[in-house]
Protein backbone atom coordinates (compact mmCIF):
# COMPACT_ATOMS: atom_id res chain seq x y z
CA MET A 1 99.49 -151.47 100.08
CA SER A 2 96.56 -151.42 96.94
CA ARG A 3 96.90 -152.90 93.82
CA GLY A 4 95.88 -150.84 91.23
CA ALA A 5 95.86 -151.43 86.80
CA GLY A 6 98.87 -153.28 85.49
CA ASN A 7 101.89 -154.01 87.39
CA SER A 8 100.93 -150.44 88.98
CA GLU A 9 101.06 -150.92 93.53
CA VAL A 10 99.34 -147.43 95.40
CA PHE A 11 101.44 -147.42 98.95
CA ARG A 12 100.62 -144.36 101.14
CA GLY A 13 99.25 -142.94 97.97
CA VAL A 14 102.29 -142.47 95.89
CA VAL A 15 101.52 -145.00 92.35
CA THR A 16 104.85 -147.25 91.58
CA THR A 17 105.54 -149.65 88.68
CA ALA A 18 106.62 -152.63 88.64
CA ARG A 19 108.72 -153.30 85.62
CA PRO A 20 108.54 -156.75 84.61
CA ALA A 21 112.00 -159.39 85.29
CA ALA A 22 113.43 -159.79 81.17
CA THR A 23 113.57 -155.50 81.01
CA LEU A 24 115.45 -154.58 83.98
CA PRO A 25 119.95 -154.39 83.63
CA PRO A 26 122.02 -157.38 84.04
CA VAL A 27 123.49 -157.22 87.38
CA ALA A 28 127.30 -157.59 87.35
CA SER A 29 129.10 -160.30 89.11
CA LYS A 30 132.11 -158.21 90.54
CA ARG A 31 132.78 -157.59 93.16
CA LEU A 32 131.62 -153.51 94.47
CA PRO A 33 134.67 -152.40 96.60
CA THR A 34 134.47 -151.67 100.20
CA LEU A 35 134.74 -148.07 101.51
CA ARG A 36 137.40 -148.73 104.47
CA ALA A 37 137.03 -145.51 106.80
CA SER A 38 134.99 -142.46 106.00
CA THR A 39 137.07 -140.18 106.73
CA GLU A 40 139.20 -141.56 104.22
CA TRP A 41 136.09 -140.22 101.80
CA GLY A 42 135.91 -136.34 103.13
CA MET A 43 132.57 -137.66 104.53
CA THR A 44 130.89 -138.35 108.38
CA PRO A 45 129.99 -141.73 110.28
CA PHE A 46 126.46 -141.44 111.43
CA ASP A 47 125.77 -142.17 114.34
CA PRO A 48 121.93 -143.65 114.93
CA ARG A 49 121.64 -141.59 117.74
CA GLU A 50 122.04 -138.73 116.67
CA THR A 51 118.88 -136.97 115.64
CA ARG A 52 119.66 -133.37 114.90
CA ARG A 53 121.03 -134.67 111.54
CA VAL A 54 117.60 -135.55 110.00
CA ASP A 55 115.26 -132.17 108.93
CA PRO A 56 111.94 -132.19 109.93
CA ALA A 57 110.57 -131.79 107.22
CA GLY A 58 112.42 -135.01 105.73
CA LEU A 59 113.94 -135.75 103.60
CA PRO A 60 111.56 -136.13 100.45
CA ALA A 61 109.52 -133.18 101.33
CA LEU A 62 113.00 -131.98 100.57
CA LEU A 63 113.28 -133.33 96.97
CA GLN A 64 110.30 -132.49 96.03
CA THR A 65 110.95 -128.48 97.06
CA ILE A 66 114.29 -128.31 95.31
CA ARG A 67 112.10 -130.15 91.57
CA HIS A 68 109.44 -127.43 92.29
CA VAL A 69 112.07 -124.50 92.53
CA HIS A 70 114.64 -125.31 90.59
CA GLY A 71 113.66 -128.30 88.45
CA VAL A 72 116.25 -130.56 88.68
CA ASP A 73 115.92 -134.10 90.70
CA ALA A 74 118.97 -134.04 93.39
CA THR A 75 120.45 -136.52 95.50
CA TRP A 76 121.88 -135.94 99.67
CA MET A 77 124.80 -135.54 99.78
CA ASP A 78 125.39 -134.53 103.76
CA SER A 79 123.99 -133.31 106.16
CA VAL A 80 126.08 -129.25 108.05
CA PRO A 81 125.25 -127.98 111.56
CA VAL A 82 125.42 -124.61 110.63
CA SER A 83 124.60 -122.05 113.51
CA GLU A 84 124.81 -117.86 112.86
CA THR A 85 125.74 -115.70 115.08
CA PHE A 86 125.40 -111.76 116.12
CA GLU A 87 127.38 -110.03 118.74
CA GLY A 88 126.54 -112.48 121.41
CA ARG A 89 123.45 -113.41 119.89
CA VAL A 90 122.05 -116.94 118.24
CA LEU A 91 120.19 -115.23 114.91
CA TRP A 92 119.52 -119.00 112.95
CA GLU A 93 121.03 -123.16 114.41
CA GLY A 94 119.63 -125.76 112.78
CA HIS A 95 121.23 -128.62 110.17
CA VAL A 96 121.01 -127.38 106.54
CA GLN A 97 120.87 -130.36 104.07
CA VAL A 98 124.29 -130.25 101.06
CA PHE A 99 122.27 -132.12 97.85
CA ALA A 100 124.25 -132.84 94.66
CA VAL A 101 122.06 -131.20 91.69
CA GLN A 102 122.96 -130.99 87.88
CA HIS A 103 122.19 -127.48 87.06
CA PRO A 104 123.70 -125.85 84.68
CA ARG A 105 125.41 -122.61 87.17
CA ALA A 106 125.69 -125.12 90.63
CA LYS A 107 126.60 -128.56 91.56
CA ARG A 108 124.90 -127.84 95.24
CA VAL A 109 121.06 -127.08 96.76
CA TYR A 110 121.64 -126.72 99.74
CA ALA A 111 117.85 -127.18 101.76
CA TRP A 112 116.72 -127.24 105.53
CA SER A 113 113.31 -126.66 106.96
CA GLU A 114 111.70 -124.10 110.30
CA PRO A 115 108.61 -123.95 111.81
CA ASP A 116 106.45 -121.72 109.51
CA GLY A 117 103.52 -120.61 112.59
CA ASP A 118 101.42 -121.76 115.53
CA ARG A 119 99.80 -124.78 113.08
CA GLY A 120 102.90 -127.62 113.55
CA ARG A 121 103.68 -126.37 109.32
CA ARG A 122 106.82 -126.04 107.75
CA ARG A 123 108.69 -123.58 105.40
CA VAL A 124 111.56 -125.33 103.17
CA HIS A 125 114.48 -123.47 102.03
CA ALA A 126 116.40 -125.22 98.50
CA VAL A 127 119.64 -122.13 97.87
CA LEU A 128 121.31 -123.33 94.64
CA GLY A 129 125.40 -123.04 95.53
CA ALA A 130 125.98 -120.31 92.33
CA GLY A 131 126.55 -116.53 92.96
CA PRO A 132 128.20 -115.84 96.99
CA VAL A 133 126.43 -119.02 97.89
CA GLU A 134 129.56 -120.97 98.45
CA ASP A 135 128.93 -123.31 101.18
CA ALA A 136 125.74 -124.07 104.35
CA ARG A 137 126.76 -121.85 105.98
CA THR A 138 126.17 -118.14 103.32
CA ALA A 139 123.41 -120.15 102.18
CA VAL A 140 121.49 -119.83 105.32
CA ARG A 141 122.94 -116.08 104.98
CA VAL A 142 121.89 -115.17 101.59
CA GLU A 143 118.12 -116.34 102.71
CA THR A 144 117.49 -116.25 105.80
CA LEU A 145 118.93 -113.38 106.85
CA GLY A 146 119.51 -111.25 103.77
CA GLY A 147 123.36 -111.79 102.59
């Protein structure tokens, strides 16, 4: 990490700017509620041994693609396993990352990556949850299988 001009720092090529502590909002003194069981909120418990859930391109690459393609910031919500088969053959299989967005036409974006050629590159897909796209499975169908 190196120091840039003023209060900014450079870390792995990303410039961050620090604000003086006096301008930070005050911290609430109330205690936050504790979630008892993650299944109460429709979430699945995180298992650190489950490595298939994380997209190989990484969440920052997916977030950058969503921002570039749809012009909105996104918040990661969940990772959903999807398997598309036709006549017993697996056509596409992987995990789709679900993001919450504030877009005029949708509240969700479904994103994933897949290998692009043999040079180690990945192609990132970011599908807006609007029109025929209702969930991760239909996002994969629309984007990779053409409907």
